[in-house]
Amino acid sequence: MLRIRLARHGRKGRPFFRVVVQDSRKPRDGRFVENLGHYDPLTEPATFQVDHERVKHWLSHGAQPSETVHRFLAKEGLIEPWQAKPRSKRADAKRAAAAAAAAAE
């Protein structure tokens, strides 16, 4: 299974991340299929740049983004924001009640 995730580079205390397409069984910083962009958390504000066309290509071919990359791609407008699934029927009922209360206002 292919994943779109961050691979850490940079020296100790100065992290820099590449956004890569990688087999999910490979180590975090191991061999990757394609480099899609980068993320630099040390700039102000943090820099996240990716090749939008290549990200769309890999998503259409079944690559799954990690939670962190999913959040960044949602900010870029490439995918829908991540929605956590309810963990129980009680949580589902709470969510439905909250939605009904919001709709009633």
N, C-alpha and C. Protein backbone atom coordinates (compact mmCIF):
# COMPACT_ATOMS: atom_id res chain seq x y z
N MET A 1 0.84 -1.17 0.00
CA MET A 1 0.00 0.00 0.00
C MET A 1 0.89 1.24 0.00
N LEU A 2 0.58 2.16 -0.87
CA LEU A 2 1.37 3.39 -0.95
C LEU A 2 0.84 4.44 0.01
N ARG A 3 1.75 5.16 0.64
CA ARG A 3 1.40 6.22 1.57
C ARG A 3 2.08 7.51 1.13
N ILE A 4 1.40 8.63 1.36
CA ILE A 4 2.02 9.94 1.19
C ILE A 4 2.32 10.41 2.60
N ARG A 5 3.60 10.56 2.91
CA ARG A 5 3.98 10.90 4.28
C ARG A 5 5.23 11.75 4.32
N LEU A 6 5.59 12.18 5.52
CA LEU A 6 6.76 13.02 5.72
C LEU A 6 7.99 12.17 6.00
N ALA A 7 9.10 12.51 5.37
CA ALA A 7 10.39 11.88 5.65
C ALA A 7 11.30 12.95 6.24
N ARG A 8 11.86 12.69 7.42
CA ARG A 8 12.64 13.71 8.13
C ARG A 8 14.05 13.79 7.59
N HIS A 9 14.50 15.02 7.41
CA HIS A 9 15.88 15.32 7.03
C HIS A 9 16.34 16.48 7.88
N GLY A 10 17.56 16.93 7.68
CA GLY A 10 18.09 18.02 8.48
C GLY A 10 18.88 17.50 9.66
N ARG A 11 19.60 18.40 10.30
CA ARG A 11 20.41 17.97 11.42
C ARG A 11 19.61 17.98 12.72
N LYS A 12 20.24 17.56 13.80
CA LYS A 12 19.59 17.51 15.10
C LYS A 12 19.11 18.90 15.50
N GLY A 13 17.85 19.01 15.88
CA GLY A 13 17.30 20.28 16.31
C GLY A 13 16.89 21.21 15.18
N ARG A 14 17.15 20.84 13.93
CA ARG A 14 16.80 21.66 12.76
C ARG A 14 16.06 20.78 11.75
N PRO A 15 14.84 20.33 12.08
CA PRO A 15 14.15 19.39 11.20
C PRO A 15 13.70 20.03 9.89
N PHE A 16 13.66 19.22 8.86
CA PHE A 16 13.18 19.59 7.55
C PHE A 16 12.56 18.32 6.99
N PHE A 17 11.38 18.40 6.42
CA PHE A 17 10.67 17.21 5.99
C PHE A 17 10.41 17.25 4.50
N ARG A 18 10.54 16.11 3.85
CA ARG A 18 10.13 15.94 2.46
C ARG A 18 8.79 15.23 2.46
N VAL A 19 7.91 15.61 1.55
CA VAL A 19 6.63 14.93 1.37
C VAL A 19 6.88 13.90 0.27
N VAL A 20 6.78 12.62 0.62
CA VAL A 20 7.14 11.56 -0.32
C VAL A 20 6.02 10.53 -0.45
N VAL A 21 6.02 9.84 -1.59
CA VAL A 21 5.18 8.67 -1.79
C VAL A 21 6.06 7.48 -1.50
N GLN A 22 5.58 6.60 -0.60
CA GLN A 22 6.43 5.52 -0.12
C GLN A 22 5.58 4.30 0.19
N ASP A 23 6.16 3.12 0.03
CA ASP A 23 5.49 1.89 0.45
C ASP A 23 5.35 1.93 1.96
N SER A 24 4.19 1.57 2.47
CA SER A 24 3.92 1.67 3.91
C SER A 24 4.82 0.77 4.75
N ARG A 25 5.43 -0.25 4.13
CA ARG A 25 6.29 -1.16 4.89
C ARG A 25 7.73 -0.67 5.01
N LYS A 26 8.08 0.40 4.30
CA LYS A 26 9.44 0.94 4.34
C LYS A 26 9.62 1.82 5.58
N PRO A 27 10.86 1.99 6.06
CA PRO A 27 11.11 2.88 7.19
C PRO A 27 10.80 4.34 6.83
N ARG A 28 10.58 5.16 7.83
CA ARG A 28 10.19 6.56 7.63
C ARG A 28 11.13 7.30 6.68
N ASP A 29 12.43 7.14 6.87
CA ASP A 29 13.41 7.85 6.05
C ASP A 29 14.01 6.96 4.97
N GLY A 30 13.36 5.85 4.67
CA GLY A 30 13.91 4.89 3.71
C GLY A 30 13.60 5.26 2.27
N ARG A 31 13.70 4.26 1.42
CA ARG A 31 13.51 4.42 -0.01
C ARG A 31 12.10 4.89 -0.32
N PHE A 32 11.97 5.82 -1.26
CA PHE A 32 10.66 6.32 -1.62
C PHE A 32 10.45 6.24 -3.13
N VAL A 33 9.18 6.34 -3.55
CA VAL A 33 8.83 6.25 -4.96
C VAL A 33 9.01 7.61 -5.63
N GLU A 34 8.49 8.67 -4.99
CA GLU A 34 8.58 10.00 -5.58
C GLU A 34 8.57 11.07 -4.49
N ASN A 35 9.33 12.13 -4.71
CA ASN A 35 9.36 13.29 -3.82
C ASN A 35 8.33 14.29 -4.35
N LEU A 36 7.32 14.63 -3.54
CA LEU A 36 6.25 15.52 -3.98
C LEU A 36 6.43 16.97 -3.54
N GLY A 37 7.25 17.22 -2.52
CA GLY A 37 7.43 18.58 -2.04
C GLY A 37 8.17 18.58 -0.72
N HIS A 38 7.98 19.64 0.06
CA HIS A 38 8.67 19.73 1.34
C HIS A 38 7.84 20.51 2.36
N TYR A 39 8.24 20.35 3.63
CA TYR A 39 7.63 21.05 4.75
C TYR A 39 8.75 21.51 5.66
N ASP A 40 8.79 22.82 5.94
CA ASP A 40 9.81 23.38 6.82
C ASP A 40 9.12 24.04 8.01
N PRO A 41 9.11 23.39 9.18
CA PRO A 41 8.41 23.94 10.34
C PRO A 41 9.15 25.10 11.01
N LEU A 42 10.40 25.38 10.63
CA LEU A 42 11.18 26.40 11.31
C LEU A 42 10.98 27.80 10.74
N THR A 43 10.42 27.90 9.54
CA THR A 43 10.17 29.23 8.99
C THR A 43 8.94 29.83 9.67
N GLU A 44 8.81 31.15 9.57
CA GLU A 44 7.67 31.80 10.21
C GLU A 44 6.84 32.50 9.15
N PRO A 45 5.68 32.06 8.77
CA PRO A 45 5.00 30.84 9.20
C PRO A 45 5.62 29.60 8.54
N ALA A 46 5.26 28.43 9.03
CA ALA A 46 5.80 27.18 8.50
C ALA A 46 5.50 27.06 7.01
N THR A 47 6.45 26.54 6.24
CA THR A 47 6.33 26.42 4.80
C THR A 47 5.93 25.01 4.41
N PHE A 48 4.87 24.89 3.60
CA PHE A 48 4.46 23.60 3.07
C PHE A 48 4.22 23.78 1.57
N GLN A 49 5.04 23.13 0.75
CA GLN A 49 4.89 23.23 -0.70
C GLN A 49 4.89 21.84 -1.30
N VAL A 50 3.90 21.59 -2.18
CA VAL A 50 3.83 20.31 -2.89
C VAL A 50 3.45 20.58 -4.34
N ASP A 51 3.72 19.60 -5.18
CA ASP A 51 3.30 19.63 -6.58
C ASP A 51 1.86 19.13 -6.62
N HIS A 52 0.91 20.03 -6.80
CA HIS A 52 -0.52 19.69 -6.73
C HIS A 52 -0.92 18.62 -7.74
N GLU A 53 -0.39 18.69 -8.95
CA GLU A 53 -0.75 17.71 -9.98
C GLU A 53 -0.28 16.31 -9.60
N ARG A 54 0.94 16.21 -9.07
CA ARG A 54 1.45 14.89 -8.70
C ARG A 54 0.72 14.33 -7.48
N VAL A 55 0.33 15.21 -6.54
CA VAL A 55 -0.44 14.74 -5.38
C VAL A 55 -1.77 14.18 -5.85
N LYS A 56 -2.45 14.90 -6.75
CA LYS A 56 -3.73 14.41 -7.29
C LYS A 56 -3.55 13.09 -8.01
N HIS A 57 -2.44 12.98 -8.75
CA HIS A 57 -2.15 11.74 -9.46
C HIS A 57 -2.05 10.56 -8.50
N TRP A 58 -1.25 10.73 -7.43
CA TRP A 58 -1.04 9.63 -6.50
C TRP A 58 -2.30 9.32 -5.69
N LEU A 59 -3.08 10.34 -5.35
CA LEU A 59 -4.33 10.08 -4.64
C LEU A 59 -5.30 9.30 -5.52
N SER A 60 -5.31 9.61 -6.82
CA SER A 60 -6.19 8.88 -7.74
C SER A 60 -5.73 7.44 -7.95
N HIS A 61 -4.45 7.18 -7.69
CA HIS A 61 -3.93 5.82 -7.82
C HIS A 61 -3.95 5.06 -6.49
N GLY A 62 -4.63 5.59 -5.49
CA GLY A 62 -4.85 4.86 -4.25
C GLY A 62 -3.89 5.14 -3.12
N ALA A 63 -2.98 6.09 -3.26
CA ALA A 63 -2.06 6.41 -2.16
C ALA A 63 -2.84 7.08 -1.03
N GLN A 64 -2.58 6.66 0.20
CA GLN A 64 -3.26 7.20 1.37
C GLN A 64 -2.34 8.15 2.11
N PRO A 65 -2.77 9.38 2.37
CA PRO A 65 -1.92 10.31 3.12
C PRO A 65 -1.92 9.98 4.61
N SER A 66 -0.80 10.27 5.28
CA SER A 66 -0.77 10.13 6.73
C SER A 66 -1.66 11.21 7.32
N GLU A 67 -1.95 11.13 8.61
CA GLU A 67 -2.84 12.12 9.23
C GLU A 67 -2.27 13.54 9.11
N THR A 68 -0.98 13.69 9.34
CA THR A 68 -0.34 15.00 9.26
C THR A 68 -0.41 15.55 7.84
N VAL A 69 -0.04 14.73 6.87
CA VAL A 69 -0.07 15.17 5.48
C VAL A 69 -1.51 15.44 5.05
N HIS A 70 -2.45 14.64 5.53
CA HIS A 70 -3.87 14.85 5.21
C HIS A 70 -4.30 16.24 5.67
N ARG A 71 -3.90 16.62 6.88
CA ARG A 71 -4.25 17.93 7.42
C ARG A 71 -3.66 19.05 6.55
N PHE A 72 -2.39 18.90 6.13
CA PHE A 72 -1.76 19.91 5.28
C PHE A 72 -2.44 19.99 3.91
N LEU A 73 -2.76 18.84 3.33
CA LEU A 73 -3.41 18.83 2.01
C LEU A 73 -4.81 19.43 2.08
N ALA A 74 -5.49 19.23 3.21
CA ALA A 74 -6.81 19.84 3.38
C ALA A 74 -6.70 21.36 3.44
N LYS A 75 -5.65 21.87 4.10
CA LYS A 75 -5.43 23.33 4.14
C LYS A 75 -5.14 23.88 2.75
N GLU A 76 -4.48 23.09 1.91
CA GLU A 76 -4.18 23.50 0.54
C GLU A 76 -5.41 23.39 -0.36
N GLY A 77 -6.46 22.70 0.11
CA GLY A 77 -7.68 22.55 -0.68
C GLY A 77 -7.64 21.39 -1.65
N LEU A 78 -6.70 20.46 -1.48
CA LEU A 78 -6.58 19.33 -2.38
C LEU A 78 -7.52 18.18 -2.02
N ILE A 79 -7.85 18.04 -0.73
CA ILE A 79 -8.75 16.98 -0.27
C ILE A 79 -9.67 17.54 0.81
N GLU A 80 -10.68 16.76 1.15
CA GLU A 80 -11.62 17.16 2.19
C GLU A 80 -10.97 17.02 3.56
N PRO A 81 -11.34 17.87 4.52
CA PRO A 81 -10.80 17.73 5.88
C PRO A 81 -11.12 16.35 6.46
N TRP A 82 -10.22 15.86 7.30
CA TRP A 82 -10.37 14.55 7.90
C TRP A 82 -11.47 14.56 8.95
N GLN A 83 -12.35 13.58 8.92
CA GLN A 83 -13.43 13.43 9.88
C GLN A 83 -13.20 12.14 10.66
N ALA A 84 -13.10 12.25 11.97
CA ALA A 84 -12.93 11.07 12.81
C ALA A 84 -14.25 10.31 12.85
N LYS A 85 -14.16 9.00 12.79
CA LYS A 85 -15.37 8.18 12.88
C LYS A 85 -15.75 8.02 14.34
N PRO A 86 -17.06 7.98 14.64
CA PRO A 86 -17.46 7.77 16.03
C PRO A 86 -17.01 6.39 16.50
N ARG A 87 -16.65 6.31 17.76
CA ARG A 87 -16.10 5.07 18.29
C ARG A 87 -17.18 4.14 18.85
N SER A 88 -18.40 4.67 19.05
CA SER A 88 -19.45 3.83 19.60
C SER A 88 -20.80 4.37 19.19
N LYS A 89 -21.84 3.61 19.48
CA LYS A 89 -23.19 4.06 19.19
C LYS A 89 -23.54 5.28 20.06
N ARG A 90 -23.00 5.31 21.26
CA ARG A 90 -23.25 6.44 22.15
C ARG A 90 -22.65 7.72 21.56
N ALA A 91 -21.42 7.63 21.04
CA ALA A 91 -20.78 8.79 20.43
C ALA A 91 -21.55 9.23 19.19
N ASP A 92 -22.05 8.27 18.42
CA ASP A 92 -22.85 8.58 17.23
C ASP A 92 -24.14 9.29 17.64
N ALA A 93 -24.77 8.84 18.73
CA ALA A 93 -26.00 9.46 19.21
C ALA A 93 -25.72 10.88 19.70
N LYS A 94 -24.59 11.09 20.38
CA LYS A 94 -24.21 12.43 20.85
C LYS A 94 -24.03 13.37 19.67
N ARG A 95 -23.35 12.90 18.64
CA ARG A 95 -23.11 13.73 17.46
C ARG A 95 -24.43 14.09 16.77
N ALA A 96 -25.34 13.12 16.67
CA ALA A 96 -26.64 13.39 16.05
C ALA A 96 -27.44 14.40 16.88
N ALA A 97 -27.37 14.28 18.20
CA ALA A 97 -28.09 15.21 19.08
C ALA A 97 -27.50 16.62 18.95
N ALA A 98 -26.18 16.72 18.87
CA ALA A 98 -25.54 18.02 18.72
C ALA A 98 -25.90 18.66 17.39
N ALA A 99 -25.97 17.86 16.34
CA ALA A 99 -26.34 18.38 15.01
C ALA A 99 -27.79 18.83 15.02
N ALA A 100 -28.66 18.08 15.69
CA ALA A 100 -30.07 18.47 15.77
C ALA A 100 -30.24 19.76 16.56
N ALA A 101 -29.47 19.90 17.63
CA ALA A 101 -29.55 21.11 18.45
C ALA A 101 -29.04 22.33 17.66
N ALA A 102 -27.99 22.12 16.88
CA ALA A 102 -27.45 23.21 16.06
C ALA A 102 -28.44 23.60 14.96
N ALA A 103 -29.13 22.61 14.40
CA ALA A 103 -30.10 22.89 13.35
C ALA A 103 -31.34 23.60 13.91
N ALA A 104 -31.67 23.33 15.17
CA ALA A 104 -32.85 23.94 15.80
C ALA A 104 -32.60 25.42 16.10
N GLU A 105 -31.35 25.82 16.26
CA GLU A 105 -31.05 27.23 16.61
C GLU A 105 -31.15 28.15 15.46
